[in-house]
Amino acid sequence: MTTSSASASLLATYQRAAADAAHKQGLIQTVAKKGPAAIKAAVDTAAKAEKRRATWAKKLAAMGISIPD
């Protein structure tokens, strides 16, 4: 795997993780009507997704690839 294809692969993985994190954040509003247990579960899931996104962003930054916010 060449450096450019590795970078492209990491960037694609980051973009999927970012989209997943944004989706999970939106789910918090959806489950708000279902009570505190559902909200807690959605918040925990969103936090894990955000952590995955941050991990991929850190890996890309280590390679010198800037991430648009």
N, C-alpha and C. Protein backbone atom coordinates (compact mmCIF):
# COMPACT_ATOMS: atom_id res chain seq x y z
N MET A 1 0.85 -1.17 0.00
CA MET A 1 0.00 0.00 0.00
C MET A 1 0.90 1.23 0.00
N THR A 2 0.67 2.11 -0.94
CA THR A 2 1.49 3.31 -1.02
C THR A 2 1.04 4.33 0.02
N THR A 3 1.88 5.32 0.23
CA THR A 3 1.57 6.34 1.22
C THR A 3 0.30 7.10 0.87
N SER A 4 0.13 7.43 -0.40
CA SER A 4 -1.07 8.18 -0.78
C SER A 4 -2.33 7.34 -0.64
N SER A 5 -2.25 6.06 -0.96
CA SER A 5 -3.44 5.22 -0.79
C SER A 5 -3.71 4.95 0.68
N ALA A 6 -2.65 4.87 1.49
CA ALA A 6 -2.84 4.72 2.93
C ALA A 6 -3.48 5.97 3.50
N SER A 7 -3.03 7.14 3.04
CA SER A 7 -3.61 8.40 3.49
C SER A 7 -5.07 8.49 3.08
N ALA A 8 -5.36 8.11 1.87
CA ALA A 8 -6.74 8.15 1.38
C ALA A 8 -7.63 7.20 2.19
N SER A 9 -7.09 6.05 2.51
CA SER A 9 -7.85 5.08 3.29
C SER A 9 -8.11 5.60 4.70
N LEU A 10 -7.09 6.18 5.32
CA LEU A 10 -7.27 6.76 6.65
C LEU A 10 -8.26 7.92 6.62
N LEU A 11 -8.17 8.74 5.59
CA LEU A 11 -9.08 9.87 5.48
C LEU A 11 -10.52 9.39 5.30
N ALA A 12 -10.71 8.37 4.50
CA ALA A 12 -12.06 7.81 4.31
C ALA A 12 -12.59 7.22 5.62
N THR A 13 -11.72 6.55 6.36
CA THR A 13 -12.12 5.99 7.65
C THR A 13 -12.50 7.10 8.61
N TYR A 14 -11.70 8.17 8.62
CA TYR A 14 -12.01 9.32 9.48
C TYR A 14 -13.37 9.91 9.10
N GLN A 15 -13.62 10.07 7.80
CA GLN A 15 -14.88 10.67 7.36
C GLN A 15 -16.08 9.81 7.78
N ARG A 16 -15.93 8.49 7.71
CA ARG A 16 -17.01 7.61 8.17
C ARG A 16 -17.21 7.75 9.67
N ALA A 17 -16.11 7.84 10.43
CA ALA A 17 -16.21 7.99 11.88
C ALA A 17 -16.84 9.33 12.25
N ALA A 18 -16.50 10.38 11.52
CA ALA A 18 -17.09 11.69 11.77
C ALA A 18 -18.59 11.69 11.48
N ALA A 19 -18.98 11.05 10.40
CA ALA A 19 -20.40 10.96 10.06
C ALA A 19 -21.16 10.15 11.11
N ASP A 20 -20.55 9.08 11.57
CA ASP A 20 -21.17 8.25 12.60
C ASP A 20 -21.33 9.04 13.90
N ALA A 21 -20.32 9.82 14.27
CA ALA A 21 -20.40 10.63 15.49
C ALA A 21 -21.50 11.67 15.38
N ALA A 22 -21.62 12.31 14.24
CA ALA A 22 -22.68 13.30 14.03
C ALA A 22 -24.06 12.64 14.10
N HIS A 23 -24.18 11.46 13.52
CA HIS A 23 -25.45 10.73 13.56
C HIS A 23 -25.83 10.37 15.00
N LYS A 24 -24.85 9.90 15.76
CA LYS A 24 -25.12 9.51 17.15
C LYS A 24 -25.53 10.72 17.99
N GLN A 25 -24.93 11.89 17.71
CA GLN A 25 -25.34 13.10 18.43
C GLN A 25 -26.80 13.43 18.13
N GLY A 26 -27.20 13.25 16.89
CA GLY A 26 -28.59 13.50 16.52
C GLY A 26 -29.57 12.54 17.18
N LEU A 27 -29.12 11.33 17.44
CA LEU A 27 -29.99 10.35 18.10
C LEU A 27 -30.35 10.76 19.52
N ILE A 28 -29.50 11.54 20.16
CA ILE A 28 -29.78 11.97 21.53
C ILE A 28 -31.09 12.75 21.56
N GLN A 29 -31.30 13.64 20.60
CA GLN A 29 -32.54 14.40 20.53
C GLN A 29 -33.74 13.49 20.27
N THR A 30 -33.55 12.47 19.47
CA THR A 30 -34.63 11.56 19.12
C THR A 30 -35.11 10.76 20.34
N VAL A 31 -34.17 10.30 21.16
CA VAL A 31 -34.55 9.46 22.30
C VAL A 31 -34.86 10.28 23.54
N ALA A 32 -34.78 11.60 23.47
CA ALA A 32 -35.04 12.44 24.64
C ALA A 32 -36.43 12.21 25.23
N LYS A 33 -37.37 11.85 24.38
CA LYS A 33 -38.75 11.63 24.83
C LYS A 33 -38.92 10.29 25.54
N LYS A 34 -37.93 9.42 25.42
CA LYS A 34 -38.07 8.06 25.95
C LYS A 34 -37.58 7.91 27.38
N GLY A 35 -37.01 8.96 27.94
CA GLY A 35 -36.64 8.91 29.34
C GLY A 35 -35.14 8.92 29.58
N PRO A 36 -34.78 9.01 30.87
CA PRO A 36 -33.38 9.18 31.23
C PRO A 36 -32.48 8.00 30.87
N ALA A 37 -32.98 6.79 30.93
CA ALA A 37 -32.15 5.63 30.61
C ALA A 37 -31.78 5.63 29.12
N ALA A 38 -32.74 5.97 28.29
CA ALA A 38 -32.48 6.03 26.85
C ALA A 38 -31.52 7.17 26.52
N ILE A 39 -31.69 8.30 27.20
CA ILE A 39 -30.79 9.43 26.98
C ILE A 39 -29.37 9.07 27.37
N LYS A 40 -29.20 8.41 28.51
CA LYS A 40 -27.87 8.01 28.97
C LYS A 40 -27.22 7.05 27.98
N ALA A 41 -27.98 6.09 27.49
CA ALA A 41 -27.44 5.14 26.52
C ALA A 41 -27.02 5.86 25.23
N ALA A 42 -27.84 6.79 24.78
CA ALA A 42 -27.51 7.54 23.55
C ALA A 42 -26.28 8.43 23.76
N VAL A 43 -26.18 9.05 24.92
CA VAL A 43 -25.02 9.90 25.22
C VAL A 43 -23.75 9.06 25.28
N ASP A 44 -23.83 7.90 25.92
CA ASP A 44 -22.66 7.01 25.99
C ASP A 44 -22.23 6.54 24.60
N THR A 45 -23.18 6.19 23.77
CA THR A 45 -22.88 5.75 22.41
C THR A 45 -22.26 6.89 21.61
N ALA A 46 -22.81 8.09 21.75
CA ALA A 46 -22.27 9.26 21.04
C ALA A 46 -20.85 9.57 21.50
N ALA A 47 -20.59 9.42 22.79
CA ALA A 47 -19.25 9.69 23.31
C ALA A 47 -18.23 8.70 22.74
N LYS A 48 -18.61 7.45 22.62
CA LYS A 48 -17.71 6.45 22.03
C LYS A 48 -17.44 6.76 20.57
N ALA A 49 -18.47 7.17 19.84
CA ALA A 49 -18.29 7.51 18.42
C ALA A 49 -17.38 8.72 18.27
N GLU A 50 -17.54 9.70 19.14
CA GLU A 50 -16.69 10.89 19.10
C GLU A 50 -15.24 10.54 19.43
N LYS A 51 -15.05 9.62 20.35
CA LYS A 51 -13.70 9.18 20.70
C LYS A 51 -13.03 8.49 19.50
N ARG A 52 -13.79 7.66 18.78
CA ARG A 52 -13.25 7.01 17.57
C ARG A 52 -12.86 8.06 16.53
N ARG A 53 -13.71 9.07 16.35
CA ARG A 53 -13.43 10.13 15.39
C ARG A 53 -12.16 10.87 15.79
N ALA A 54 -12.02 11.18 17.06
CA ALA A 54 -10.84 11.89 17.54
C ALA A 54 -9.57 11.06 17.37
N THR A 55 -9.68 9.76 17.56
CA THR A 55 -8.52 8.87 17.38
C THR A 55 -8.06 8.90 15.94
N TRP A 56 -8.99 8.81 14.99
CA TRP A 56 -8.62 8.85 13.57
C TRP A 56 -8.07 10.22 13.20
N ALA A 57 -8.61 11.28 13.76
CA ALA A 57 -8.10 12.62 13.47
C ALA A 57 -6.66 12.74 13.97
N LYS A 58 -6.38 12.17 15.12
CA LYS A 58 -5.03 12.20 15.68
C LYS A 58 -4.05 11.43 14.78
N LYS A 59 -4.47 10.28 14.27
CA LYS A 59 -3.62 9.50 13.39
C LYS A 59 -3.33 10.27 12.10
N LEU A 60 -4.33 10.93 11.56
CA LEU A 60 -4.13 11.72 10.35
C LEU A 60 -3.22 12.92 10.61
N ALA A 61 -3.38 13.55 11.76
CA ALA A 61 -2.53 14.69 12.12
C ALA A 61 -1.08 14.24 12.25
N ALA A 62 -0.86 13.05 12.78
CA ALA A 62 0.50 12.51 12.90
C ALA A 62 1.14 12.29 11.54
N MET A 63 0.31 12.05 10.53
CA MET A 63 0.82 11.88 9.17
C MET A 63 0.96 13.21 8.44
N GLY A 64 0.55 14.29 9.10
CA GLY A 64 0.65 15.61 8.48
C GLY A 64 -0.54 15.99 7.62
N ILE A 65 -1.66 15.30 7.79
CA ILE A 65 -2.87 15.59 7.01
C ILE A 65 -3.80 16.41 7.87
N SER A 66 -4.16 17.59 7.39
CA SER A 66 -5.06 18.45 8.15
C SER A 66 -6.51 18.04 7.88
N ILE A 67 -7.32 18.14 8.89
CA ILE A 67 -8.72 17.74 8.82
C ILE A 67 -9.58 19.01 8.80
N PRO A 68 -10.41 19.18 7.77
CA PRO A 68 -11.33 20.33 7.79
C PRO A 68 -12.43 20.08 8.82
N ASP A 69 -12.76 21.11 9.57
CA ASP A 69 -13.80 20.95 10.60
C ASP A 69 -15.16 21.13 10.08
